[in-house]
Amino acid sequence: MRLVLVGPPGAGKGTQAEFLCAHYGIPHISTGDIFRANLSAGTALGIEAKGYMDRGDLVPDSVTNSMVEARLNESDVDNGFLLDGFPRNAAQAAVLKEILIKINAPLDCVLELQIDEEEIVTRLASRNRDDDNADVVRHRLKVYRDQTAPIIDFYKNENLLTTINASGSIADITERAIAALSAKK
C-alpha cells in the first residue's frame, strides 16, 4: 500500500499514520524525520537545508523534493509507504507524481482526514502547549487552507482521494480508514 495522508493540523494524522503503518507493515515517512536524518547524517541535502533553517527561512521545495525522492529510493519502501507531511502544496504533489512514475511505484490512495475546524481548535487548545492556543491554531488552519488544501483538488482529479470523517474515537477513525482503504484495493 502506497499512501499519502492529508488533513489539517489536529486531525490526527500522526496517530492514524502509526496505526495504518502497523496494519499494512509499511514505513511511516514524515518530512520531519527525513530532515532530521539528513541533518544528522550530514548529507549534502542536509547541509543545504541547515543553511536555510539556520537563517530562519523555509527549506525550498527543491531541497525537500530531493530528500523525499532519495528516501523513496530506499529498499524498505518496496512494499509500500505512508507519506505524512508531503506533499504540502500542488507543486510538490506534481513532483511526487513524477518521482513515483520514475520509480514505478504509483500511489494507491490519498487519505484525507476531514474534521470540523472548531473541533480542531478545541482539541488542540486543550493540549495546553504554547503553539496550540486558539489564535495560533486558527492561523495554522488558515495556512493549511491556503497552501495545502489545494492538493485535495489535485488528488481528486487524479482519482486518488478518499475522505473519511476524523471525528470520534481513535479506534473508530482507524476502523473507518482501513475500511476506506480496503475498498480502494
N, C-alpha and C. Protein backbone atom coordinates (compact mmCIF):
# COMPACT_ATOMS: atom_id res chain seq x y z
N MET A 1 0.85 -1.18 0.00
CA MET A 1 0.00 0.00 0.00
C MET A 1 0.89 1.24 0.00
N ARG A 2 0.67 2.11 -0.98
CA ARG A 2 1.40 3.37 -1.08
C ARG A 2 0.41 4.51 -0.85
N LEU A 3 0.59 5.21 0.27
CA LEU A 3 -0.40 6.19 0.72
C LEU A 3 0.20 7.56 0.96
N VAL A 4 -0.63 8.57 0.78
CA VAL A 4 -0.35 9.91 1.27
C VAL A 4 -1.48 10.22 2.24
N LEU A 5 -1.12 10.74 3.40
CA LEU A 5 -2.09 11.11 4.42
C LEU A 5 -2.16 12.62 4.50
N VAL A 6 -3.35 13.19 4.31
CA VAL A 6 -3.53 14.64 4.37
C VAL A 6 -4.65 15.00 5.33
N GLY A 7 -4.58 16.22 5.80
CA GLY A 7 -5.61 16.73 6.70
C GLY A 7 -5.04 17.89 7.47
N PRO A 8 -5.90 18.68 8.05
CA PRO A 8 -5.44 19.86 8.77
C PRO A 8 -4.69 19.49 10.04
N PRO A 9 -3.93 20.45 10.59
CA PRO A 9 -3.28 20.19 11.87
C PRO A 9 -4.35 19.83 12.90
N GLY A 10 -4.07 18.82 13.70
CA GLY A 10 -5.02 18.41 14.73
C GLY A 10 -6.02 17.37 14.28
N ALA A 11 -5.94 16.93 13.02
CA ALA A 11 -6.88 15.92 12.52
C ALA A 11 -6.51 14.52 12.98
N GLY A 12 -5.31 14.35 13.52
CA GLY A 12 -4.89 13.04 13.99
C GLY A 12 -4.03 12.27 13.00
N LYS A 13 -3.36 12.97 12.10
CA LYS A 13 -2.55 12.29 11.08
C LYS A 13 -1.46 11.43 11.69
N GLY A 14 -0.74 11.96 12.67
CA GLY A 14 0.35 11.20 13.28
C GLY A 14 -0.14 9.93 13.94
N THR A 15 -1.24 10.04 14.66
CA THR A 15 -1.82 8.87 15.33
C THR A 15 -2.29 7.84 14.32
N GLN A 16 -3.02 8.29 13.30
CA GLN A 16 -3.52 7.35 12.29
C GLN A 16 -2.39 6.76 11.47
N ALA A 17 -1.36 7.54 11.20
CA ALA A 17 -0.21 7.02 10.45
C ALA A 17 0.39 5.83 11.19
N GLU A 18 0.53 5.96 12.50
CA GLU A 18 1.09 4.88 13.32
C GLU A 18 0.29 3.59 13.16
N PHE A 19 -1.03 3.70 13.29
CA PHE A 19 -1.89 2.51 13.20
C PHE A 19 -1.92 1.93 11.78
N LEU A 20 -2.01 2.80 10.78
CA LEU A 20 -2.07 2.32 9.39
C LEU A 20 -0.76 1.65 8.98
N CYS A 21 0.36 2.23 9.40
CA CYS A 21 1.66 1.63 9.07
C CYS A 21 1.81 0.26 9.71
N ALA A 22 1.37 0.14 10.95
CA ALA A 22 1.42 -1.16 11.62
C ALA A 22 0.50 -2.15 10.92
N HIS A 23 -0.69 -1.71 10.55
CA HIS A 23 -1.67 -2.59 9.89
C HIS A 23 -1.15 -3.11 8.55
N TYR A 24 -0.54 -2.22 7.76
CA TYR A 24 -0.08 -2.60 6.43
C TYR A 24 1.39 -3.03 6.38
N GLY A 25 2.10 -2.89 7.49
CA GLY A 25 3.51 -3.27 7.52
C GLY A 25 4.37 -2.41 6.59
N ILE A 26 4.10 -1.10 6.60
CA ILE A 26 4.82 -0.17 5.73
C ILE A 26 5.48 0.92 6.58
N PRO A 27 6.56 1.54 6.07
CA PRO A 27 7.20 2.60 6.84
C PRO A 27 6.41 3.91 6.79
N HIS A 28 6.46 4.61 7.91
CA HIS A 28 5.87 5.95 8.03
C HIS A 28 6.96 6.94 7.66
N ILE A 29 6.74 7.68 6.60
CA ILE A 29 7.74 8.63 6.13
C ILE A 29 7.20 10.03 6.34
N SER A 30 7.80 10.74 7.28
CA SER A 30 7.40 12.13 7.52
C SER A 30 8.55 13.03 7.10
N THR A 31 8.20 14.21 6.62
CA THR A 31 9.26 15.13 6.20
C THR A 31 10.14 15.51 7.38
N GLY A 32 9.55 15.62 8.57
CA GLY A 32 10.36 15.93 9.75
C GLY A 32 11.45 14.89 9.97
N ASP A 33 11.08 13.61 9.86
CA ASP A 33 12.06 12.53 10.02
C ASP A 33 13.13 12.58 8.93
N ILE A 34 12.70 12.87 7.71
CA ILE A 34 13.64 12.95 6.59
C ILE A 34 14.65 14.08 6.83
N PHE A 35 14.14 15.23 7.27
CA PHE A 35 15.03 16.36 7.56
C PHE A 35 16.03 15.98 8.65
N ARG A 36 15.52 15.41 9.76
CA ARG A 36 16.40 15.04 10.88
C ARG A 36 17.46 14.03 10.44
N ALA A 37 17.07 13.04 9.63
CA ALA A 37 18.01 12.02 9.17
C ALA A 37 19.10 12.65 8.31
N ASN A 38 18.72 13.54 7.40
CA ASN A 38 19.70 14.20 6.53
C ASN A 38 20.61 15.13 7.32
N LEU A 39 20.06 15.81 8.30
CA LEU A 39 20.88 16.70 9.13
C LEU A 39 21.87 15.91 9.96
N SER A 40 21.39 14.84 10.61
CA SER A 40 22.29 14.07 11.48
C SER A 40 23.34 13.31 10.69
N ALA A 41 23.00 12.89 9.46
CA ALA A 41 23.97 12.17 8.63
C ALA A 41 24.91 13.14 7.90
N GLY A 42 24.61 14.43 7.96
CA GLY A 42 25.47 15.41 7.30
C GLY A 42 25.48 15.27 5.79
N THR A 43 24.34 14.83 5.21
CA THR A 43 24.29 14.70 3.75
C THR A 43 24.38 16.08 3.10
N ALA A 44 24.68 16.11 1.81
CA ALA A 44 24.74 17.38 1.10
C ALA A 44 23.39 18.10 1.19
N LEU A 45 22.29 17.34 1.07
CA LEU A 45 20.97 17.95 1.17
C LEU A 45 20.71 18.46 2.59
N GLY A 46 21.18 17.70 3.58
CA GLY A 46 21.02 18.11 4.97
C GLY A 46 21.77 19.40 5.26
N ILE A 47 22.97 19.51 4.74
CA ILE A 47 23.78 20.72 4.93
C ILE A 47 23.11 21.91 4.25
N GLU A 48 22.59 21.68 3.04
CA GLU A 48 21.90 22.75 2.32
C GLU A 48 20.65 23.19 3.10
N ALA A 49 19.87 22.23 3.59
CA ALA A 49 18.66 22.54 4.36
C ALA A 49 19.01 23.30 5.63
N LYS A 50 20.08 22.88 6.30
CA LYS A 50 20.50 23.52 7.55
C LYS A 50 20.81 24.99 7.34
N GLY A 51 21.40 25.33 6.20
CA GLY A 51 21.69 26.71 5.90
C GLY A 51 20.43 27.56 5.89
N TYR A 52 19.37 27.05 5.26
CA TYR A 52 18.10 27.77 5.23
C TYR A 52 17.50 27.86 6.64
N MET A 53 17.50 26.73 7.34
CA MET A 53 16.90 26.68 8.66
C MET A 53 17.63 27.59 9.64
N ASP A 54 18.95 27.63 9.56
CA ASP A 54 19.73 28.48 10.46
C ASP A 54 19.42 29.97 10.25
N ARG A 55 19.03 30.33 9.03
CA ARG A 55 18.66 31.71 8.74
C ARG A 55 17.20 31.99 9.07
N GLY A 56 16.47 30.93 9.48
CA GLY A 56 15.05 31.09 9.78
C GLY A 56 14.17 31.05 8.55
N ASP A 57 14.74 30.60 7.42
CA ASP A 57 13.99 30.52 6.17
C ASP A 57 13.38 29.14 6.02
N LEU A 58 12.30 29.07 5.23
CA LEU A 58 11.74 27.77 4.89
C LEU A 58 12.69 27.07 3.92
N VAL A 59 12.81 25.77 4.07
CA VAL A 59 13.62 24.99 3.14
C VAL A 59 12.84 24.95 1.82
N PRO A 60 13.49 25.32 0.71
CA PRO A 60 12.77 25.36 -0.57
C PRO A 60 12.27 23.97 -1.00
N ASP A 61 11.20 24.00 -1.79
CA ASP A 61 10.62 22.74 -2.29
C ASP A 61 11.66 21.88 -2.98
N SER A 62 12.58 22.50 -3.73
CA SER A 62 13.56 21.71 -4.49
C SER A 62 14.39 20.82 -3.57
N VAL A 63 14.77 21.34 -2.41
CA VAL A 63 15.57 20.55 -1.46
C VAL A 63 14.70 19.47 -0.82
N THR A 64 13.50 19.86 -0.40
CA THR A 64 12.58 18.89 0.20
C THR A 64 12.25 17.78 -0.79
N ASN A 65 11.96 18.16 -2.04
CA ASN A 65 11.63 17.16 -3.06
C ASN A 65 12.79 16.17 -3.25
N SER A 66 14.01 16.68 -3.27
CA SER A 66 15.18 15.80 -3.45
C SER A 66 15.33 14.84 -2.27
N MET A 67 15.09 15.34 -1.06
CA MET A 67 15.18 14.48 0.11
C MET A 67 14.12 13.37 0.06
N VAL A 68 12.90 13.74 -0.33
CA VAL A 68 11.82 12.75 -0.42
C VAL A 68 12.15 11.72 -1.50
N GLU A 69 12.65 12.19 -2.64
CA GLU A 69 13.00 11.26 -3.72
C GLU A 69 14.07 10.27 -3.25
N ALA A 70 15.08 10.76 -2.56
CA ALA A 70 16.13 9.86 -2.05
C ALA A 70 15.53 8.85 -1.08
N ARG A 71 14.63 9.32 -0.20
CA ARG A 71 14.02 8.42 0.78
C ARG A 71 13.16 7.36 0.09
N LEU A 72 12.45 7.72 -0.96
CA LEU A 72 11.59 6.77 -1.67
C LEU A 72 12.38 5.78 -2.52
N ASN A 73 13.67 5.99 -2.64
CA ASN A 73 14.52 5.04 -3.35
C ASN A 73 15.19 4.05 -2.40
N GLU A 74 14.89 4.11 -1.11
CA GLU A 74 15.44 3.16 -0.16
C GLU A 74 14.64 1.86 -0.21
N SER A 75 15.28 0.74 0.12
CA SER A 75 14.68 -0.57 -0.08
C SER A 75 13.48 -0.86 0.83
N ASP A 76 13.37 -0.19 1.98
CA ASP A 76 12.26 -0.51 2.88
C ASP A 76 10.90 -0.05 2.36
N VAL A 77 10.88 0.71 1.26
CA VAL A 77 9.60 1.16 0.72
C VAL A 77 9.13 0.28 -0.44
N ASP A 78 9.85 -0.80 -0.70
CA ASP A 78 9.49 -1.67 -1.83
C ASP A 78 8.06 -2.20 -1.73
N ASN A 79 7.57 -2.44 -0.51
CA ASN A 79 6.22 -2.97 -0.32
C ASN A 79 5.20 -1.90 0.04
N GLY A 80 5.61 -0.64 -0.04
CA GLY A 80 4.69 0.46 0.24
C GLY A 80 5.26 1.43 1.25
N PHE A 81 4.48 2.47 1.50
CA PHE A 81 4.89 3.53 2.42
C PHE A 81 3.68 4.39 2.72
N LEU A 82 3.81 5.18 3.76
CA LEU A 82 2.82 6.20 4.07
C LEU A 82 3.56 7.53 4.20
N LEU A 83 3.24 8.47 3.33
CA LEU A 83 3.83 9.80 3.38
C LEU A 83 2.95 10.71 4.22
N ASP A 84 3.57 11.39 5.17
CA ASP A 84 2.87 12.27 6.10
C ASP A 84 3.62 13.60 6.11
N GLY A 85 2.95 14.68 5.70
CA GLY A 85 3.60 15.98 5.66
C GLY A 85 4.19 16.32 4.31
N PHE A 86 4.00 15.45 3.36
CA PHE A 86 4.45 15.69 1.99
C PHE A 86 3.49 14.96 1.07
N PRO A 87 3.01 15.57 0.04
CA PRO A 87 3.27 16.93 -0.40
C PRO A 87 2.46 17.94 0.42
N ARG A 88 2.99 19.16 0.49
CA ARG A 88 2.32 20.24 1.22
C ARG A 88 1.66 21.25 0.28
N ASN A 89 1.91 21.12 -1.00
CA ASN A 89 1.29 22.04 -1.97
C ASN A 89 1.16 21.32 -3.32
N ALA A 90 0.42 21.94 -4.23
CA ALA A 90 0.15 21.29 -5.52
C ALA A 90 1.42 21.07 -6.33
N ALA A 91 2.38 21.99 -6.23
CA ALA A 91 3.64 21.82 -6.96
C ALA A 91 4.37 20.58 -6.45
N GLN A 92 4.41 20.38 -5.14
CA GLN A 92 5.05 19.18 -4.58
C GLN A 92 4.28 17.92 -4.98
N ALA A 93 2.95 18.01 -5.07
CA ALA A 93 2.15 16.85 -5.48
C ALA A 93 2.52 16.44 -6.91
N ALA A 94 2.72 17.43 -7.78
CA ALA A 94 3.11 17.14 -9.17
C ALA A 94 4.50 16.52 -9.22
N VAL A 95 5.42 17.02 -8.39
CA VAL A 95 6.77 16.45 -8.34
C VAL A 95 6.72 15.02 -7.80
N LEU A 96 5.92 14.79 -6.76
CA LEU A 96 5.79 13.44 -6.21
C LEU A 96 5.28 12.48 -7.28
N LYS A 97 4.31 12.91 -8.06
CA LYS A 97 3.79 12.06 -9.14
C LYS A 97 4.92 11.66 -10.09
N GLU A 98 5.78 12.61 -10.46
CA GLU A 98 6.90 12.33 -11.36
C GLU A 98 7.91 11.38 -10.71
N ILE A 99 8.19 11.59 -9.43
CA ILE A 99 9.12 10.70 -8.70
C ILE A 99 8.58 9.28 -8.72
N LEU A 100 7.29 9.13 -8.44
CA LEU A 100 6.69 7.79 -8.35
C LEU A 100 6.60 7.12 -9.72
N ILE A 101 6.44 7.90 -10.78
CA ILE A 101 6.48 7.35 -12.14
C ILE A 101 7.89 6.82 -12.41
N LYS A 102 8.89 7.62 -12.03
CA LYS A 102 10.28 7.26 -12.27
C LYS A 102 10.66 5.94 -11.57
N ILE A 103 10.14 5.74 -10.35
CA ILE A 103 10.49 4.52 -9.60
C ILE A 103 9.42 3.43 -9.75
N ASN A 104 8.45 3.67 -10.64
CA ASN A 104 7.39 2.71 -10.92
C ASN A 104 6.66 2.27 -9.65
N ALA A 105 6.22 3.27 -8.88
CA ALA A 105 5.52 3.00 -7.61
C ALA A 105 4.36 3.98 -7.46
N PRO A 106 3.30 3.82 -8.28
CA PRO A 106 2.19 4.77 -8.21
C PRO A 106 1.46 4.70 -6.87
N LEU A 107 0.87 5.82 -6.49
CA LEU A 107 0.09 5.85 -5.26
C LEU A 107 -1.14 4.97 -5.39
N ASP A 108 -1.51 4.34 -4.28
CA ASP A 108 -2.76 3.59 -4.22
C ASP A 108 -3.90 4.50 -3.78
N CYS A 109 -3.57 5.44 -2.88
CA CYS A 109 -4.63 6.27 -2.32
C CYS A 109 -4.04 7.48 -1.60
N VAL A 110 -4.80 8.55 -1.60
CA VAL A 110 -4.54 9.71 -0.76
C VAL A 110 -5.71 9.76 0.21
N LEU A 111 -5.40 9.57 1.48
CA LEU A 111 -6.44 9.52 2.51
C LEU A 111 -6.51 10.87 3.21
N GLU A 112 -7.67 11.51 3.07
CA GLU A 112 -7.89 12.81 3.71
C GLU A 112 -8.67 12.60 5.00
N LEU A 113 -8.10 13.11 6.09
CA LEU A 113 -8.79 13.11 7.37
C LEU A 113 -9.53 14.44 7.47
N GLN A 114 -10.85 14.38 7.47
CA GLN A 114 -11.66 15.59 7.47
C GLN A 114 -12.32 15.77 8.83
N ILE A 115 -12.24 17.00 9.36
CA ILE A 115 -12.77 17.27 10.69
C ILE A 115 -13.17 18.75 10.76
N ASP A 116 -14.20 19.04 11.52
CA ASP A 116 -14.67 20.41 11.70
C ASP A 116 -13.59 21.26 12.36
N GLU A 117 -13.38 22.47 11.84
CA GLU A 117 -12.31 23.32 12.35
C GLU A 117 -12.49 23.69 13.81
N GLU A 118 -13.71 23.90 14.25
CA GLU A 118 -13.91 24.25 15.66
C GLU A 118 -13.55 23.08 16.57
N GLU A 119 -13.78 21.86 16.09
CA GLU A 119 -13.38 20.67 16.86
C GLU A 119 -11.85 20.62 16.97
N ILE A 120 -11.17 20.99 15.89
CA ILE A 120 -9.70 21.03 15.92
C ILE A 120 -9.22 22.06 16.93
N VAL A 121 -9.82 23.26 16.91
CA VAL A 121 -9.41 24.31 17.84
C VAL A 121 -9.59 23.81 19.28
N THR A 122 -10.73 23.20 19.56
CA THR A 122 -10.98 22.66 20.90
C THR A 122 -9.99 21.57 21.24
N ARG A 123 -9.78 20.66 20.30
CA ARG A 123 -8.88 19.52 20.52
C ARG A 123 -7.45 19.99 20.81
N LEU A 124 -6.93 20.88 19.97
CA LEU A 124 -5.55 21.33 20.12
C LEU A 124 -5.36 22.28 21.29
N ALA A 125 -6.31 23.18 21.48
CA ALA A 125 -6.17 24.15 22.59
C ALA A 125 -6.19 23.43 23.94
N SER A 126 -6.81 22.27 24.01
CA SER A 126 -6.87 21.53 25.28
C SER A 126 -5.54 20.87 25.64
N ARG A 127 -4.59 20.85 24.69
CA ARG A 127 -3.29 20.22 24.97
C ARG A 127 -2.38 21.12 25.80
N ASN A 128 -2.78 22.38 25.94
CA ASN A 128 -2.03 23.34 26.78
C ASN A 128 -0.56 23.49 26.37
N ARG A 129 -0.30 23.47 25.06
CA ARG A 129 1.05 23.76 24.59
C ARG A 129 1.07 25.18 24.06
N ASP A 130 2.23 25.82 24.14
CA ASP A 130 2.34 27.23 23.71
C ASP A 130 1.87 27.43 22.27
N ASP A 131 2.18 26.45 21.39
CA ASP A 131 1.84 26.62 19.98
C ASP A 131 0.43 26.13 19.67
N ASP A 132 -0.35 25.81 20.70
CA ASP A 132 -1.69 25.29 20.48
C ASP A 132 -2.78 26.18 21.08
N ASN A 133 -2.51 27.48 21.30
CA ASN A 133 -3.60 28.32 21.77
C ASN A 133 -4.54 28.58 20.59
N ALA A 134 -5.76 28.99 20.88
CA ALA A 134 -6.80 29.09 19.86
C ALA A 134 -6.39 29.98 18.68
N ASP A 135 -5.75 31.11 18.94
CA ASP A 135 -5.36 32.00 17.84
C ASP A 135 -4.31 31.37 16.95
N VAL A 136 -3.33 30.72 17.56
CA VAL A 136 -2.27 30.06 16.78
C VAL A 136 -2.88 28.91 15.96
N VAL A 137 -3.77 28.15 16.58
CA VAL A 137 -4.41 27.03 15.87
C VAL A 137 -5.20 27.56 14.67
N ARG A 138 -5.95 28.63 14.87
CA ARG A 138 -6.72 29.21 13.75
C ARG A 138 -5.80 29.68 12.62
N HIS A 139 -4.65 30.25 13.00
CA HIS A 139 -3.69 30.67 11.97
C HIS A 139 -3.14 29.46 11.22
N ARG A 140 -2.78 28.39 11.96
CA ARG A 140 -2.27 27.18 11.31
C ARG A 140 -3.32 26.59 10.36
N LEU A 141 -4.59 26.67 10.73
CA LEU A 141 -5.67 26.17 9.87
C LEU A 141 -5.80 27.03 8.61
N LYS A 142 -5.62 28.34 8.75
CA LYS A 142 -5.67 29.22 7.58
C LYS A 142 -4.51 28.90 6.63
N VAL A 143 -3.33 28.71 7.19
CA VAL A 143 -2.17 28.35 6.36
C VAL A 143 -2.45 27.03 5.64
N TYR A 144 -3.03 26.07 6.35
CA TYR A 144 -3.39 24.78 5.73
C TYR A 144 -4.37 25.01 4.57
N ARG A 145 -5.42 25.77 4.82
CA ARG A 145 -6.42 26.03 3.76
C ARG A 145 -5.78 26.70 2.55
N ASP A 146 -4.91 27.67 2.81
CA ASP A 146 -4.30 28.43 1.71
C ASP A 146 -3.26 27.63 0.93
N GLN A 147 -2.42 26.87 1.64
CA GLN A 147 -1.27 26.24 0.99
C GLN A 147 -1.45 24.75 0.71
N THR A 148 -2.03 24.03 1.63
CA THR A 148 -2.06 22.58 1.50
C THR A 148 -3.39 22.07 0.93
N ALA A 149 -4.49 22.68 1.29
CA ALA A 149 -5.79 22.19 0.82
C ALA A 149 -5.89 22.07 -0.70
N PRO A 150 -5.20 22.92 -1.51
CA PRO A 150 -5.29 22.75 -2.96
C PRO A 150 -4.84 21.36 -3.46
N ILE A 151 -4.05 20.65 -2.68
CA ILE A 151 -3.69 19.30 -3.15
C ILE A 151 -4.88 18.35 -3.13
N ILE A 152 -5.91 18.72 -2.36
CA ILE A 152 -7.14 17.90 -2.35
C ILE A 152 -7.71 17.84 -3.76
N ASP A 153 -7.82 19.00 -4.41
CA ASP A 153 -8.33 19.04 -5.79
C ASP A 153 -7.40 18.30 -6.74
N PHE A 154 -6.09 18.45 -6.55
CA PHE A 154 -5.11 17.75 -7.39
C PHE A 154 -5.38 16.24 -7.34
N TYR A 155 -5.54 15.71 -6.12
CA TYR A 155 -5.73 14.26 -5.99
C TYR A 155 -7.14 13.81 -6.36
N LYS A 156 -8.13 14.69 -6.24
CA LYS A 156 -9.47 14.37 -6.75
C LYS A 156 -9.39 14.16 -8.25
N ASN A 157 -8.68 15.07 -8.93
CA ASN A 157 -8.53 14.98 -10.38
C ASN A 157 -7.74 13.74 -10.80
N GLU A 158 -6.87 13.26 -9.92
CA GLU A 158 -6.10 12.05 -10.19
C GLU A 158 -6.89 10.79 -9.82
N ASN A 159 -8.09 10.97 -9.29
CA ASN A 159 -8.95 9.88 -8.84
C ASN A 159 -8.28 9.03 -7.74
N LEU A 160 -7.55 9.70 -6.87
CA LEU A 160 -6.84 9.01 -5.79
C LEU A 160 -7.37 9.36 -4.40
N LEU A 161 -8.23 10.37 -4.30
CA LEU A 161 -8.64 10.89 -3.00
C LEU A 161 -9.76 10.07 -2.37
N THR A 162 -9.56 9.72 -1.12
CA THR A 162 -10.60 9.11 -0.29
C THR A 162 -10.66 9.93 0.99
N THR A 163 -11.85 10.38 1.34
CA THR A 163 -12.03 11.23 2.52
C THR A 163 -12.80 10.46 3.58
N ILE A 164 -12.29 10.55 4.82
CA ILE A 164 -13.02 9.95 5.94
C ILE A 164 -13.24 11.01 7.02
N ASN A 165 -14.24 10.77 7.83
CA ASN A 165 -14.54 11.62 8.98
C ASN A 165 -13.53 11.31 10.08
N ALA A 166 -12.82 12.34 10.53
CA ALA A 166 -11.79 12.15 11.55
C ALA A 166 -12.28 12.57 12.94
N SER A 167 -13.59 12.58 13.14
CA SER A 167 -14.16 12.85 14.46
C SER A 167 -14.44 11.51 15.14
N GLY A 168 -14.42 11.53 16.46
CA GLY A 168 -14.73 10.32 17.21
C GLY A 168 -13.50 9.73 17.84
N SER A 169 -13.63 8.48 18.27
CA SER A 169 -12.52 7.82 18.96
C SER A 169 -11.43 7.43 17.96
N ILE A 170 -10.23 7.29 18.46
CA ILE A 170 -9.10 6.87 17.62
C ILE A 170 -9.42 5.54 16.95
N ALA A 171 -9.98 4.61 17.71
CA ALA A 171 -10.31 3.29 17.15
C ALA A 171 -11.33 3.39 16.03
N ASP A 172 -12.35 4.23 16.21
CA ASP A 172 -13.37 4.40 15.17
C ASP A 172 -12.78 5.00 13.90
N ILE A 173 -11.90 5.99 14.08
CA ILE A 173 -11.28 6.64 12.92
C ILE A 173 -10.38 5.64 12.18
N THR A 174 -9.62 4.85 12.93
CA THR A 174 -8.75 3.84 12.32
C THR A 174 -9.59 2.82 11.55
N GLU A 175 -10.69 2.41 12.16
CA GLU A 175 -11.59 1.44 11.50
C GLU A 175 -12.13 2.02 10.20
N ARG A 176 -12.55 3.28 10.23
CA ARG A 176 -13.04 3.94 9.01
C ARG A 176 -11.94 4.00 7.95
N ALA A 177 -10.73 4.34 8.37
CA ALA A 177 -9.62 4.47 7.43
C ALA A 177 -9.31 3.13 6.77
N ILE A 178 -9.22 2.08 7.54
CA ILE A 178 -8.89 0.75 6.98
C ILE A 178 -10.01 0.28 6.05
N ALA A 179 -11.26 0.52 6.45
CA ALA A 179 -12.38 0.13 5.59
C ALA A 179 -12.34 0.89 4.26
N ALA A 180 -12.05 2.19 4.32
CA ALA A 180 -11.99 3.00 3.09
C ALA A 180 -10.83 2.56 2.21
N LEU A 181 -9.69 2.24 2.82
CA LEU A 181 -8.53 1.81 2.04
C LEU A 181 -8.76 0.42 1.45
N SER A 182 -9.43 -0.44 2.19
CA SER A 182 -9.74 -1.79 1.67
C SER A 182 -10.64 -1.70 0.46
N ALA A 183 -11.56 -0.73 0.46
CA ALA A 183 -12.46 -0.54 -0.68
C ALA A 183 -11.72 -0.06 -1.92
N LYS A 184 -10.54 0.57 -1.72
CA LYS A 184 -9.76 1.09 -2.85
C LYS A 184 -8.96 0.00 -3.55
N LYS A 185 -8.71 -1.11 -2.87
CA LYS A 185 -7.86 -2.16 -3.44
C LYS A 185 -8.52 -2.83 -4.62
